[in-house]
N, C-alpha and C. Protein backbone atom coordinates (compact mmCIF):
# COMPACT_ATOMS: atom_id res chain seq x y z
N MET A 1 110.06 126.59 110.00
CA MET A 1 110.06 125.88 111.26
C MET A 1 108.79 126.35 112.03
N LEU A 2 108.10 125.37 112.56
CA LEU A 2 106.86 125.67 113.32
C LEU A 2 107.25 125.72 114.84
N THR A 3 107.00 126.87 115.46
CA THR A 3 107.20 127.02 116.85
C THR A 3 105.98 127.64 117.47
N ILE A 4 105.46 126.93 118.37
CA ILE A 4 104.26 127.42 119.04
C ILE A 4 104.58 127.52 120.53
N THR A 5 104.46 128.72 121.05
CA THR A 5 104.88 128.96 122.46
C THR A 5 103.65 129.49 123.22
N GLU A 6 103.81 129.48 124.55
CA GLU A 6 102.77 130.01 125.41
C GLU A 6 102.68 131.46 125.28
N ASN A 7 101.45 132.01 125.14
CA ASN A 7 101.27 133.44 125.13
C ASN A 7 100.83 133.92 126.49
N ILE A 8 101.41 134.90 127.04
CA ILE A 8 101.06 135.43 128.34
C ILE A 8 100.01 136.56 128.08
N THR A 9 98.82 136.40 128.66
CA THR A 9 97.77 137.40 128.51
C THR A 9 97.17 137.64 129.87
N ASN A 10 96.40 138.71 129.92
CA ASN A 10 95.74 139.00 131.24
C ASN A 10 94.58 138.01 131.42
N GLY A 11 94.07 137.93 132.66
CA GLY A 11 93.06 136.95 133.03
C GLY A 11 91.79 137.11 132.25
N SER A 12 91.51 138.35 131.76
CA SER A 12 90.18 138.57 131.13
C SER A 12 90.15 138.10 129.70
N THR A 13 91.29 137.78 129.13
CA THR A 13 91.36 137.30 127.76
C THR A 13 91.54 135.81 127.73
N ARG A 14 90.68 135.12 127.01
CA ARG A 14 90.74 133.62 126.92
C ARG A 14 91.72 133.29 125.81
N ARG A 15 92.72 132.50 126.16
CA ARG A 15 93.72 132.02 125.16
C ARG A 15 93.14 130.90 124.38
N PRO A 16 93.43 130.83 123.09
CA PRO A 16 93.02 129.62 122.35
C PRO A 16 93.83 128.44 122.81
N ALA A 17 93.26 127.22 122.70
CA ALA A 17 93.91 125.99 123.19
C ALA A 17 95.29 125.81 122.53
N ILE A 18 95.46 126.19 121.30
CA ILE A 18 96.71 125.97 120.62
C ILE A 18 97.80 126.85 121.22
N ALA A 19 97.48 127.97 121.80
CA ALA A 19 98.51 128.86 122.36
C ALA A 19 99.13 128.22 123.60
N ASN A 20 98.54 127.20 124.15
CA ASN A 20 99.04 126.53 125.32
C ASN A 20 100.05 125.38 125.00
N LEU A 21 100.15 125.11 123.78
CA LEU A 21 101.00 124.05 123.34
C LEU A 21 102.47 124.44 123.32
N ARG A 22 103.34 123.54 123.85
CA ARG A 22 104.75 123.87 123.87
C ARG A 22 105.41 122.80 123.03
N MET A 23 105.80 123.15 121.79
CA MET A 23 106.27 122.20 120.78
C MET A 23 107.11 122.92 119.79
N GLN A 24 108.07 122.19 119.26
CA GLN A 24 108.85 122.72 118.12
C GLN A 24 109.26 121.56 117.24
N LEU A 25 109.16 121.77 115.97
CA LEU A 25 109.54 120.79 114.91
C LEU A 25 110.79 121.15 114.16
N LYS A 26 111.53 120.22 113.64
CA LYS A 26 112.65 120.48 112.77
C LYS A 26 112.04 120.99 111.44
N PRO A 27 112.81 121.75 110.71
CA PRO A 27 112.28 122.17 109.38
C PRO A 27 112.01 120.90 108.56
N ALA A 28 110.91 120.93 107.83
CA ALA A 28 110.47 119.75 107.14
C ALA A 28 111.46 119.27 106.12
N HIS A 29 112.18 120.20 105.39
CA HIS A 29 113.12 119.82 104.37
C HIS A 29 114.45 119.35 104.91
N ARG A 30 114.68 119.52 106.18
CA ARG A 30 116.02 119.20 106.77
C ARG A 30 115.84 118.21 107.97
N SER A 31 114.86 117.43 107.96
CA SER A 31 114.63 116.55 109.10
C SER A 31 115.55 115.30 109.09
N CYS A 32 116.28 115.11 110.17
CA CYS A 32 117.09 113.91 110.38
C CYS A 32 116.95 113.52 111.83
N GLY A 33 117.53 112.34 112.14
CA GLY A 33 117.56 111.89 113.51
C GLY A 33 116.38 110.99 113.88
N PHE A 34 116.37 110.64 115.16
CA PHE A 34 115.33 109.75 115.69
C PHE A 34 113.97 110.46 115.78
N VAL A 35 114.00 111.66 116.23
CA VAL A 35 112.72 112.42 116.36
C VAL A 35 112.77 113.64 115.43
N GLN A 36 111.62 114.11 115.06
CA GLN A 36 111.43 115.27 114.16
C GLN A 36 111.09 116.51 114.92
N GLY A 37 111.18 116.42 116.26
CA GLY A 37 110.79 117.61 117.09
C GLY A 37 110.50 117.14 118.49
N ALA A 38 110.01 118.06 119.31
CA ALA A 38 109.71 117.74 120.66
C ALA A 38 108.43 118.43 121.10
N TRP A 39 107.79 117.88 122.12
CA TRP A 39 106.53 118.36 122.68
C TRP A 39 106.66 118.27 124.20
N TRP A 40 106.33 119.36 124.87
CA TRP A 40 106.35 119.39 126.36
C TRP A 40 104.93 119.58 126.86
N PRO A 41 104.17 118.52 127.03
CA PRO A 41 102.74 118.66 127.52
C PRO A 41 102.71 119.15 128.96
N ARG A 42 101.61 119.72 129.38
CA ARG A 42 101.40 120.20 130.71
C ARG A 42 101.02 119.13 131.74
N SER A 43 100.54 118.04 131.23
CA SER A 43 100.12 116.95 132.12
C SER A 43 100.32 115.59 131.46
N ALA A 44 100.08 114.52 132.17
CA ALA A 44 100.21 113.19 131.67
C ALA A 44 98.77 112.62 131.25
N GLN A 45 97.84 113.51 131.03
CA GLN A 45 96.46 113.13 130.66
C GLN A 45 96.34 113.32 129.17
N LEU A 46 96.53 112.24 128.44
CA LEU A 46 96.57 112.34 126.99
C LEU A 46 95.27 112.88 126.43
N ASP A 47 94.14 112.52 126.98
CA ASP A 47 92.87 112.99 126.45
C ASP A 47 92.75 114.51 126.56
N ARG A 48 93.41 115.20 127.44
CA ARG A 48 93.45 116.64 127.60
C ARG A 48 94.48 117.31 126.73
N GLU A 49 95.63 116.62 126.50
CA GLU A 49 96.80 117.21 125.78
C GLU A 49 96.75 116.98 124.32
N LEU A 50 96.21 115.84 123.91
CA LEU A 50 96.22 115.47 122.49
C LEU A 50 95.50 116.46 121.50
N PRO A 51 94.34 116.96 121.90
CA PRO A 51 93.60 117.87 120.93
C PRO A 51 94.45 119.05 120.48
N SER A 52 95.17 119.70 121.42
CA SER A 52 96.04 120.82 120.99
C SER A 52 97.11 120.39 120.09
N LEU A 53 97.77 119.30 120.41
CA LEU A 53 98.86 118.79 119.55
C LEU A 53 98.31 118.47 118.13
N LEU A 54 97.20 117.82 118.05
CA LEU A 54 96.62 117.50 116.70
C LEU A 54 96.30 118.75 115.92
N ALA A 55 95.71 119.74 116.63
CA ALA A 55 95.36 121.00 115.95
C ALA A 55 96.62 121.69 115.42
N ALA A 56 97.64 121.77 116.21
CA ALA A 56 98.88 122.42 115.71
C ALA A 56 99.59 121.64 114.64
N LEU A 57 99.69 120.33 114.74
CA LEU A 57 100.38 119.57 113.75
C LEU A 57 99.63 119.48 112.43
N SER A 58 98.29 119.42 112.47
CA SER A 58 97.54 119.31 111.23
C SER A 58 97.69 120.56 110.36
N LEU A 59 97.98 121.71 111.00
CA LEU A 59 98.26 122.95 110.22
C LEU A 59 99.50 122.74 109.41
N ARG A 60 100.47 122.00 109.81
CA ARG A 60 101.73 121.86 109.04
C ARG A 60 101.75 120.63 108.23
N VAL A 61 101.27 119.48 108.72
CA VAL A 61 101.45 118.27 108.03
C VAL A 61 100.16 117.67 107.40
N GLY A 62 99.05 118.25 107.67
CA GLY A 62 97.80 117.80 107.11
C GLY A 62 97.09 116.84 108.01
N ALA A 63 96.20 116.02 107.45
CA ALA A 63 95.37 115.12 108.22
C ALA A 63 96.19 114.11 109.04
N ILE A 64 95.76 113.80 110.20
CA ILE A 64 96.39 112.82 111.08
C ILE A 64 95.39 111.69 111.27
N ASP A 65 95.84 110.44 110.92
CA ASP A 65 94.99 109.26 111.05
C ASP A 65 95.13 108.55 112.39
N SER A 66 96.32 108.48 113.00
CA SER A 66 96.53 107.71 114.20
C SER A 66 97.72 108.24 114.99
N VAL A 67 97.66 107.91 116.25
CA VAL A 67 98.74 108.33 117.22
C VAL A 67 99.10 107.08 118.05
N LEU A 68 100.38 106.86 118.18
CA LEU A 68 100.93 105.88 119.05
C LEU A 68 101.61 106.53 120.24
N TYR A 69 101.36 106.08 121.45
CA TYR A 69 102.01 106.62 122.60
C TYR A 69 102.50 105.45 123.49
N HIS A 70 103.45 105.75 124.33
CA HIS A 70 103.91 104.67 125.26
C HIS A 70 103.01 104.69 126.48
N GLU A 71 102.39 103.55 126.79
CA GLU A 71 101.35 103.55 127.79
C GLU A 71 101.85 103.89 129.19
N ASN A 72 103.12 103.67 129.45
CA ASN A 72 103.69 103.99 130.82
C ASN A 72 103.90 105.48 130.97
N ASP A 73 103.89 106.30 129.93
CA ASP A 73 104.14 107.73 130.02
C ASP A 73 102.90 108.52 130.30
N TRP A 74 101.73 107.91 130.12
CA TRP A 74 100.46 108.64 130.19
C TRP A 74 99.45 107.92 131.08
N SER A 75 98.51 108.68 131.59
CA SER A 75 97.38 108.05 132.21
C SER A 75 96.57 107.41 131.12
N PRO A 76 95.68 106.38 131.50
CA PRO A 76 94.92 105.70 130.46
C PRO A 76 94.28 106.70 129.48
N GLY A 77 94.44 106.42 128.18
CA GLY A 77 93.96 107.33 127.14
C GLY A 77 92.79 106.76 126.40
N PRO A 78 92.18 107.58 125.59
CA PRO A 78 91.03 107.09 124.78
C PRO A 78 91.48 106.20 123.62
N LEU A 79 90.57 105.44 123.07
CA LEU A 79 90.86 104.64 121.95
C LEU A 79 90.85 105.44 120.63
N SER A 80 90.16 106.54 120.67
CA SER A 80 90.14 107.45 119.54
C SER A 80 89.76 108.83 120.03
N ILE A 81 90.04 109.82 119.17
CA ILE A 81 89.70 111.19 119.51
C ILE A 81 89.16 111.83 118.27
N GLU A 82 88.18 112.67 118.37
CA GLU A 82 87.65 113.39 117.20
C GLU A 82 88.50 114.62 116.94
N HIS A 83 88.89 114.74 115.67
CA HIS A 83 89.71 115.85 115.25
C HIS A 83 89.25 116.28 113.84
N GLU A 84 88.83 117.51 113.70
CA GLU A 84 88.38 118.05 112.37
C GLU A 84 87.34 117.14 111.73
N GLY A 85 86.42 116.63 112.55
CA GLY A 85 85.33 115.83 112.01
C GLY A 85 85.68 114.38 111.74
N ASP A 86 86.92 113.96 111.95
CA ASP A 86 87.31 112.59 111.73
C ASP A 86 87.77 111.98 113.04
N GLN A 87 87.72 110.63 113.09
CA GLN A 87 88.25 109.96 114.31
C GLN A 87 89.73 109.59 114.10
N VAL A 88 90.53 109.98 115.04
CA VAL A 88 91.96 109.64 115.09
C VAL A 88 92.12 108.48 116.01
N ILE A 89 92.67 107.42 115.52
CA ILE A 89 92.93 106.23 116.33
C ILE A 89 94.07 106.47 117.23
N VAL A 90 93.91 106.13 118.54
CA VAL A 90 94.95 106.38 119.56
C VAL A 90 95.27 105.04 120.18
N SER A 91 96.54 104.68 120.21
CA SER A 91 97.01 103.38 120.74
C SER A 91 98.18 103.58 121.68
N GLY A 92 98.22 102.77 122.76
CA GLY A 92 99.31 102.83 123.70
C GLY A 92 100.39 101.78 123.37
N ARG A 93 100.59 101.45 122.11
CA ARG A 93 101.52 100.40 121.73
C ARG A 93 102.87 100.95 121.21
N GLN A 94 103.20 102.22 121.55
CA GLN A 94 104.48 102.73 121.16
C GLN A 94 105.60 102.02 121.98
N GLU A 95 106.58 101.52 121.24
CA GLU A 95 107.63 100.75 121.99
C GLU A 95 108.64 101.68 122.63
N TRP A 96 108.78 102.95 122.19
CA TRP A 96 109.76 103.88 122.77
C TRP A 96 109.15 104.72 123.82
N PRO A 97 109.76 104.68 125.06
CA PRO A 97 109.26 105.65 126.04
C PRO A 97 109.59 107.06 125.58
N ASN A 98 108.78 108.03 126.10
CA ASN A 98 108.95 109.41 125.78
C ASN A 98 108.89 109.82 124.32
N VAL A 99 108.11 109.06 123.56
CA VAL A 99 107.92 109.39 122.13
C VAL A 99 106.46 109.15 121.81
N VAL A 100 105.94 110.06 121.03
CA VAL A 100 104.60 109.85 120.41
C VAL A 100 104.87 109.83 118.87
N SER A 101 104.23 108.90 118.21
CA SER A 101 104.28 108.80 116.75
C SER A 101 102.95 109.13 116.15
N LEU A 102 102.93 109.97 115.17
CA LEU A 102 101.68 110.38 114.51
C LEU A 102 101.79 109.88 113.05
N PHE A 103 100.67 109.42 112.49
CA PHE A 103 100.63 108.95 111.12
C PHE A 103 99.55 109.69 110.29
N GLY A 104 99.85 109.95 109.08
CA GLY A 104 98.96 110.62 108.16
C GLY A 104 99.29 110.31 106.74
N PRO A 105 98.31 110.55 105.87
CA PRO A 105 98.47 110.20 104.41
C PRO A 105 99.56 111.12 103.70
N ARG A 106 99.67 112.37 104.15
CA ARG A 106 100.64 113.27 103.51
C ARG A 106 102.06 113.14 103.94
N PHE A 107 102.28 112.78 105.21
CA PHE A 107 103.63 112.83 105.82
C PHE A 107 104.08 111.47 106.27
N GLY A 108 103.32 110.47 106.28
CA GLY A 108 103.70 109.11 106.69
C GLY A 108 103.75 109.07 108.25
N ARG A 109 104.99 109.12 108.71
CA ARG A 109 105.20 108.99 110.17
C ARG A 109 105.98 110.20 110.66
N LEU A 110 105.56 110.68 111.84
CA LEU A 110 106.22 111.82 112.51
C LEU A 110 106.40 111.42 113.97
N ASP A 111 107.75 111.34 114.38
CA ASP A 111 108.00 110.95 115.81
C ASP A 111 108.45 112.20 116.54
N LEU A 112 107.79 112.44 117.71
CA LEU A 112 108.01 113.52 118.55
C LEU A 112 108.55 113.06 119.95
N LEU A 113 109.62 113.66 120.39
CA LEU A 113 110.03 113.45 121.72
C LEU A 113 109.01 114.04 122.70
N VAL A 114 108.68 113.35 123.74
CA VAL A 114 107.74 113.88 124.72
C VAL A 114 108.62 114.23 125.98
N VAL A 115 108.71 115.50 126.25
CA VAL A 115 109.42 115.93 127.48
C VAL A 115 108.43 115.75 128.61
N PRO A 116 108.76 114.99 129.62
CA PRO A 116 107.77 114.78 130.72
C PRO A 116 107.29 116.08 131.32
N PRO A 117 106.05 116.13 131.62
CA PRO A 117 105.40 117.42 132.12
C PRO A 117 106.00 117.96 133.39
N TYR A 118 106.63 117.07 134.25
CA TYR A 118 107.17 117.52 135.48
C TYR A 118 108.61 118.04 135.35
N THR A 119 109.13 118.13 134.10
CA THR A 119 110.50 118.54 133.89
C THR A 119 110.63 119.98 134.26
N GLU A 120 111.78 120.37 134.82
CA GLU A 120 112.12 121.73 135.19
C GLU A 120 112.05 122.58 133.93
N PRO A 121 111.44 123.71 133.96
CA PRO A 121 111.20 124.53 132.69
C PRO A 121 112.41 124.88 131.88
N THR A 122 113.51 125.24 132.57
CA THR A 122 114.73 125.62 131.78
C THR A 122 115.27 124.41 131.05
N HIS A 123 115.30 123.28 131.75
CA HIS A 123 115.76 122.04 131.15
C HIS A 123 114.86 121.62 130.01
N ALA A 124 113.59 121.66 130.24
CA ALA A 124 112.56 121.30 129.22
C ALA A 124 112.77 122.15 127.93
N TYR A 125 112.93 123.43 128.13
CA TYR A 125 113.21 124.36 126.94
C TYR A 125 114.46 123.93 126.18
N ASP A 126 115.51 123.65 126.91
CA ASP A 126 116.79 123.23 126.26
C ASP A 126 116.62 121.92 125.47
N VAL A 127 115.85 121.02 126.07
CA VAL A 127 115.57 119.70 125.41
C VAL A 127 114.75 119.88 124.13
N VAL A 128 113.70 120.71 124.22
CA VAL A 128 112.86 120.91 123.03
C VAL A 128 113.69 121.59 121.91
N LYS A 129 114.48 122.59 122.27
CA LYS A 129 115.33 123.25 121.23
C LYS A 129 116.33 122.32 120.61
N ARG A 130 116.97 121.47 121.48
CA ARG A 130 117.97 120.55 120.90
C ARG A 130 117.27 119.49 120.02
N ALA A 131 116.13 118.93 120.43
CA ALA A 131 115.43 117.98 119.64
C ALA A 131 114.94 118.49 118.26
N ALA A 132 114.66 119.79 118.24
CA ALA A 132 114.23 120.43 116.97
C ALA A 132 115.40 121.01 116.20
N SER A 133 116.67 120.83 116.68
CA SER A 133 117.83 121.30 115.97
C SER A 133 117.98 120.52 114.68
N VAL A 134 118.35 121.16 113.58
CA VAL A 134 118.45 120.57 112.26
C VAL A 134 119.38 119.32 112.22
N ASN A 135 120.50 119.44 112.86
CA ASN A 135 121.48 118.33 112.76
C ASN A 135 121.44 117.36 113.93
N ASP A 136 120.53 117.48 114.81
CA ASP A 136 120.54 116.64 115.95
C ASP A 136 119.98 115.21 115.62
N ALA A 137 120.70 114.19 115.91
CA ALA A 137 120.29 112.82 115.70
C ALA A 137 120.30 112.02 116.93
N SER A 138 120.17 112.69 118.09
CA SER A 138 120.16 112.03 119.40
C SER A 138 118.92 111.16 119.59
N THR A 139 119.09 110.15 120.39
CA THR A 139 117.94 109.29 120.77
C THR A 139 117.15 110.02 121.83
N PRO A 140 115.88 109.60 122.03
CA PRO A 140 115.14 110.19 123.13
C PRO A 140 115.82 110.17 124.51
N ASP A 141 116.47 109.05 124.86
CA ASP A 141 117.16 108.95 126.10
C ASP A 141 118.29 109.99 126.18
N GLN A 142 119.07 110.09 125.09
CA GLN A 142 120.13 111.07 125.06
C GLN A 142 119.59 112.46 125.28
N LEU A 143 118.55 112.78 124.59
CA LEU A 143 118.01 114.14 124.66
C LEU A 143 117.60 114.45 126.07
N LEU A 144 116.96 113.44 126.74
CA LEU A 144 116.44 113.65 128.12
C LEU A 144 117.49 113.40 129.16
N GLY A 145 118.65 112.93 128.78
CA GLY A 145 119.72 112.61 129.77
C GLY A 145 119.42 111.37 130.61
N ILE A 146 118.73 110.42 130.01
CA ILE A 146 118.39 109.16 130.71
C ILE A 146 119.46 108.10 130.43
N THR A 147 119.94 107.50 131.52
CA THR A 147 120.90 106.39 131.37
C THR A 147 120.16 105.14 131.75
N ARG A 148 120.19 104.18 130.92
CA ARG A 148 119.51 102.86 131.11
C ARG A 148 120.47 101.95 131.79
N ARG A 149 119.92 100.91 132.39
CA ARG A 149 120.71 99.87 133.02
C ARG A 149 121.50 99.11 131.98
N ALA A 150 122.58 98.41 132.39
CA ALA A 150 123.43 97.67 131.45
C ALA A 150 122.65 96.59 130.68
N ASP A 151 121.72 95.91 131.37
CA ASP A 151 121.01 94.87 130.66
C ASP A 151 120.05 95.37 129.59
N ASP A 152 119.68 96.66 129.66
CA ASP A 152 118.90 97.32 128.63
C ASP A 152 119.67 97.42 127.30
N ARG A 153 120.99 97.50 127.49
CA ARG A 153 121.87 97.68 126.28
C ARG A 153 121.93 96.41 125.44
N LEU A 154 121.58 95.28 125.91
CA LEU A 154 121.57 94.10 125.15
C LEU A 154 120.60 94.20 123.96
N LEU A 155 119.51 94.95 124.18
CA LEU A 155 118.55 95.10 123.13
C LEU A 155 118.89 96.22 122.18
N SER A 156 119.88 97.12 122.46
CA SER A 156 120.12 98.27 121.67
C SER A 156 120.54 97.94 120.21
N PRO A 157 121.41 96.87 119.97
CA PRO A 157 121.75 96.61 118.52
C PRO A 157 120.48 96.18 117.70
N ILE A 158 119.58 95.46 118.40
CA ILE A 158 118.32 95.12 117.69
C ILE A 158 117.45 96.36 117.42
N ALA A 159 117.33 97.21 118.41
CA ALA A 159 116.58 98.47 118.24
C ALA A 159 117.22 99.31 117.14
N LEU A 160 118.56 99.44 117.19
CA LEU A 160 119.22 100.30 116.15
C LEU A 160 119.00 99.72 114.76
N GLN A 161 119.03 98.40 114.66
CA GLN A 161 118.85 97.76 113.35
C GLN A 161 117.45 98.05 112.82
N ARG A 162 116.44 97.91 113.74
CA ARG A 162 115.04 98.19 113.39
C ARG A 162 114.87 99.64 112.99
N TRP A 163 115.51 100.52 113.74
CA TRP A 163 115.42 101.98 113.46
C TRP A 163 116.00 102.29 112.08
N GLU A 164 117.20 101.76 111.78
CA GLU A 164 117.78 102.00 110.45
C GLU A 164 116.95 101.34 109.34
N ALA A 165 116.32 100.19 109.60
CA ALA A 165 115.50 99.55 108.62
C ALA A 165 114.28 100.38 108.30
N ASP A 166 113.76 101.17 109.31
CA ASP A 166 112.62 101.97 109.15
C ASP A 166 113.01 103.37 108.52
N GLY A 167 114.24 103.58 108.19
CA GLY A 167 114.64 104.87 107.61
C GLY A 167 115.70 105.54 108.43
N GLY A 168 115.70 105.37 109.75
CA GLY A 168 116.77 105.90 110.65
C GLY A 168 117.18 107.35 110.31
N ALA A 169 118.41 107.58 110.63
CA ALA A 169 118.98 109.00 110.44
C ALA A 169 119.62 109.11 109.06
N LEU A 170 119.81 108.05 108.32
CA LEU A 170 120.46 108.11 107.06
C LEU A 170 119.45 108.26 105.90
N PRO A 171 119.68 109.18 105.00
CA PRO A 171 118.76 109.25 103.83
C PRO A 171 118.90 107.98 103.01
N LEU A 172 117.89 107.54 102.38
CA LEU A 172 117.89 106.31 101.55
C LEU A 172 119.01 106.33 100.50
N ALA A 173 119.28 107.48 99.94
CA ALA A 173 120.24 107.59 98.83
C ALA A 173 121.69 107.23 99.33
N SER A 174 121.94 107.45 100.60
CA SER A 174 123.29 107.27 101.11
C SER A 174 123.61 105.83 101.49
N ARG A 175 122.57 104.93 101.48
CA ARG A 175 122.85 103.56 101.82
C ARG A 175 123.37 102.79 100.63
N SER A 176 124.19 101.82 100.91
CA SER A 176 124.72 101.04 99.81
C SER A 176 123.69 99.97 99.40
N GLY A 177 123.97 99.36 98.29
CA GLY A 177 123.07 98.36 97.76
C GLY A 177 122.93 97.16 98.67
N SER A 178 124.01 96.79 99.32
CA SER A 178 123.94 95.61 100.26
C SER A 178 123.10 95.94 101.47
N GLN A 179 123.19 97.18 101.96
CA GLN A 179 122.38 97.59 103.10
C GLN A 179 120.95 97.54 102.74
N MET A 180 120.64 97.95 101.51
CA MET A 180 119.20 97.98 101.09
C MET A 180 118.65 96.56 100.98
N GLN A 181 119.50 95.58 100.58
CA GLN A 181 119.01 94.22 100.47
C GLN A 181 118.80 93.62 101.87
N ASP A 182 119.62 94.00 102.84
CA ASP A 182 119.50 93.48 104.17
C ASP A 182 118.29 94.02 104.88
N ALA A 183 117.86 95.27 104.52
CA ALA A 183 116.78 95.91 105.21
C ALA A 183 115.44 95.37 104.77
């Protein structure tokens, strides 16, 4: 399990950027649920926060080709960012609020819950820990304690069907043959 926490040092020592990252991932071999971990950025400025996230994740998952973010969660972001000599495509077309999705050739897709930067620290810590829990299959809204309006629920069956069609929380082997044909 990859856990990167803030290191407290005296003012004379410069911390590496990666030490400022507040993130935790589920173990790679036991990943289930809607998200594979959580990230608590310090600000809503994607261009300032993304380099540290990319550096930390590339250590575990390898090269990252692109990032999707929900445009309402962040200040306007760049169209691409340089990481390890390559350009990573950055797009605000993520359909899920409070989620960033990263794509790469080795791992496919990795969805991370984004704990809003203004979240109270104790609550943020609890949310990050729960999202990275091996057996947690909560949605981002459930993890953050967000209750949507009743009319938002009309779309939830469609969203759930799309989520399951993309792999969802169930391993492929546990689906029946008819479910595989429908997907």
